[in-house]
Amino acid sequence: MQIVGGFLICYFIALIISAVFMVVGIKKMNRGLMIPWLVGFGLAILFQLIFGLWLLGGYYIYLDTVFYTLVDWLWMAYNIYCWLVVFSQYQIFEEMASPNIELLWP
C-alpha cells in the first residue's frame, strides 16, 4: 500500500506541475507545454472509466454501488469536457503555428 500511495502522490504532484506548465503554455501560446497535462489528465480519465467498470462489474447487485458508478461516470464526463477544452485550444495553437505554404504547379 505504501508503494501505491507513493506512486499516487508522485502522480498528483506531476499533474499539478503539468497544470502550471499548461497555464504558462496557454499564456505564451506554446502548445508543447500543454502536452504533459493532456497525457496525465487522459490517464486520470482512463482510470475513472476502469474504476467505474470494476465497481459496476463487481458489485452491480447493490443499488448504491450503481449510484456510485453513475456519480463517477458523471464526474468523468466533466473531466472529458475539460480535456476537450484544452485539446481544442491545443489544436488552435497548432493551426496558428503551421506555415501557410502553398505549392502552385503550373
Protein backbone atom coordinates (compact mmCIF):
# COMPACT_ATOMS: atom_id res chain seq x y z
CA MET A 1 0.00 0.00 0.00
CA GLN A 2 2.89 2.35 0.65
CA ILE A 3 4.17 1.83 -2.89
CA VAL A 4 0.79 2.63 -4.42
CA GLY A 5 0.37 5.64 -2.13
CA GLY A 6 3.82 6.92 -3.03
CA PHE A 7 3.06 6.47 -6.72
CA LEU A 8 -0.22 8.39 -6.40
CA ILE A 9 1.46 11.23 -4.52
CA CYS A 10 4.14 11.48 -7.22
CA TYR A 11 1.46 11.31 -9.94
CA PHE A 12 -0.62 14.10 -8.41
CA ILE A 13 2.44 16.30 -7.88
CA ALA A 14 3.39 15.73 -11.52
CA LEU A 15 -0.19 16.57 -12.55
CA ILE A 16 -0.06 19.83 -10.58
CA ILE A 17 3.28 20.74 -12.17
CA SER A 18 1.93 19.92 -15.63
CA ALA A 19 -1.12 22.11 -14.92
CA VAL A 20 1.24 25.01 -14.15
CA PHE A 21 3.08 24.29 -17.42
CA MET A 22 -0.26 24.23 -19.23
CA VAL A 23 -1.23 27.67 -17.91
CA VAL A 24 2.18 29.06 -18.91
CA GLY A 25 1.84 27.40 -22.33
CA ILE A 26 -1.56 28.97 -22.90
CA LYS A 27 -0.31 32.42 -21.90
CA LYS A 28 2.75 32.13 -24.17
CA MET A 29 0.82 30.29 -26.92
CA ASN A 30 3.22 27.34 -26.70
CA ARG A 31 1.37 24.11 -27.43
CA GLY A 32 4.30 21.92 -26.35
CA LEU A 33 3.75 22.86 -22.71
CA MET A 34 0.17 21.58 -22.89
CA ILE A 35 1.08 18.00 -23.85
CA PRO A 36 2.10 16.73 -20.36
CA TRP A 37 -1.25 17.82 -18.92
CA LEU A 38 -3.18 16.25 -21.78
CA VAL A 39 -1.40 12.93 -21.26
CA GLY A 40 -1.59 12.97 -17.45
CA PHE A 41 -5.21 14.00 -17.32
CA GLY A 42 -6.05 11.47 -20.04
CA LEU A 43 -4.63 8.77 -17.77
CA ALA A 44 -6.83 10.03 -14.92
CA ILE A 45 -9.90 9.81 -17.17
CA LEU A 46 -8.93 6.30 -18.22
CA PHE A 47 -8.58 5.31 -14.56
CA GLN A 48 -12.04 6.70 -13.81
CA LEU A 49 -13.51 4.62 -16.63
CA ILE A 50 -11.78 1.43 -15.47
CA PHE A 51 -12.69 2.05 -11.83
CA GLY A 52 -16.34 2.57 -12.77
CA LEU A 53 -16.37 -0.65 -14.78
CA TRP A 54 -14.72 -2.54 -11.92
CA LEU A 55 -17.19 -1.11 -9.43
CA LEU A 56 -20.19 -1.93 -11.61
CA GLY A 57 -18.93 -5.38 -12.58
CA GLY A 58 -18.04 -6.44 -9.07
CA TYR A 59 -20.92 -5.02 -7.08
CA TYR A 60 -23.78 -4.47 -9.55
CA ILE A 61 -26.25 -6.27 -7.30
CA TYR A 62 -26.16 -3.40 -4.79
CA LEU A 63 -28.15 -0.37 -5.87
CA ASP A 64 -25.95 2.11 -4.01
CA THR A 65 -22.88 0.88 -5.94
CA VAL A 66 -24.68 1.53 -9.22
CA PHE A 67 -25.32 5.06 -7.96
CA TYR A 68 -21.63 5.50 -7.06
CA THR A 69 -20.69 4.30 -10.54
CA LEU A 70 -23.09 6.81 -12.07
CA VAL A 71 -21.57 9.62 -9.99
CA ASP A 72 -18.06 8.50 -11.01
CA TRP A 73 -19.00 8.50 -14.69
CA LEU A 74 -20.70 11.90 -14.44
CA TRP A 75 -17.50 13.26 -12.93
CA MET A 76 -15.58 11.51 -15.71
CA ALA A 77 -17.82 13.19 -18.30
CA TYR A 78 -16.96 16.58 -16.78
CA ASN A 79 -13.27 15.69 -16.88
CA ILE A 80 -13.59 14.67 -20.54
CA TYR A 81 -15.18 18.05 -21.24
CA CYS A 82 -12.25 19.81 -19.54
CA TRP A 83 -9.78 17.68 -21.52
CA LEU A 84 -11.57 18.52 -24.78
CA VAL A 85 -11.44 22.25 -23.99
CA VAL A 86 -7.67 22.10 -23.53
CA PHE A 87 -7.27 19.87 -26.60
CA SER A 88 -9.27 22.29 -28.76
CA GLN A 89 -7.01 25.12 -27.58
CA TYR A 90 -4.04 22.92 -28.50
CA GLN A 91 -5.48 22.48 -31.99
CA ILE A 92 -5.97 26.24 -32.36
CA PHE A 93 -2.32 26.83 -31.44
CA GLU A 94 -1.29 24.10 -33.87
CA GLU A 95 -3.24 25.75 -36.67
CA MET A 96 -1.75 29.15 -35.88
CA ALA A 97 1.80 27.76 -35.79
CA SER A 98 1.63 25.80 -39.03
CA PRO A 99 3.16 27.57 -42.04
CA ASN A 100 0.83 28.72 -44.76
CA ILE A 101 2.80 27.49 -47.74
CA GLU A 102 1.03 26.63 -50.94
CA LEU A 103 2.77 24.94 -53.79
CA LEU A 104 1.40 26.16 -57.08
CA TRP A 105 2.18 23.94 -60.01
CA PRO A 106 1.83 25.43 -63.48
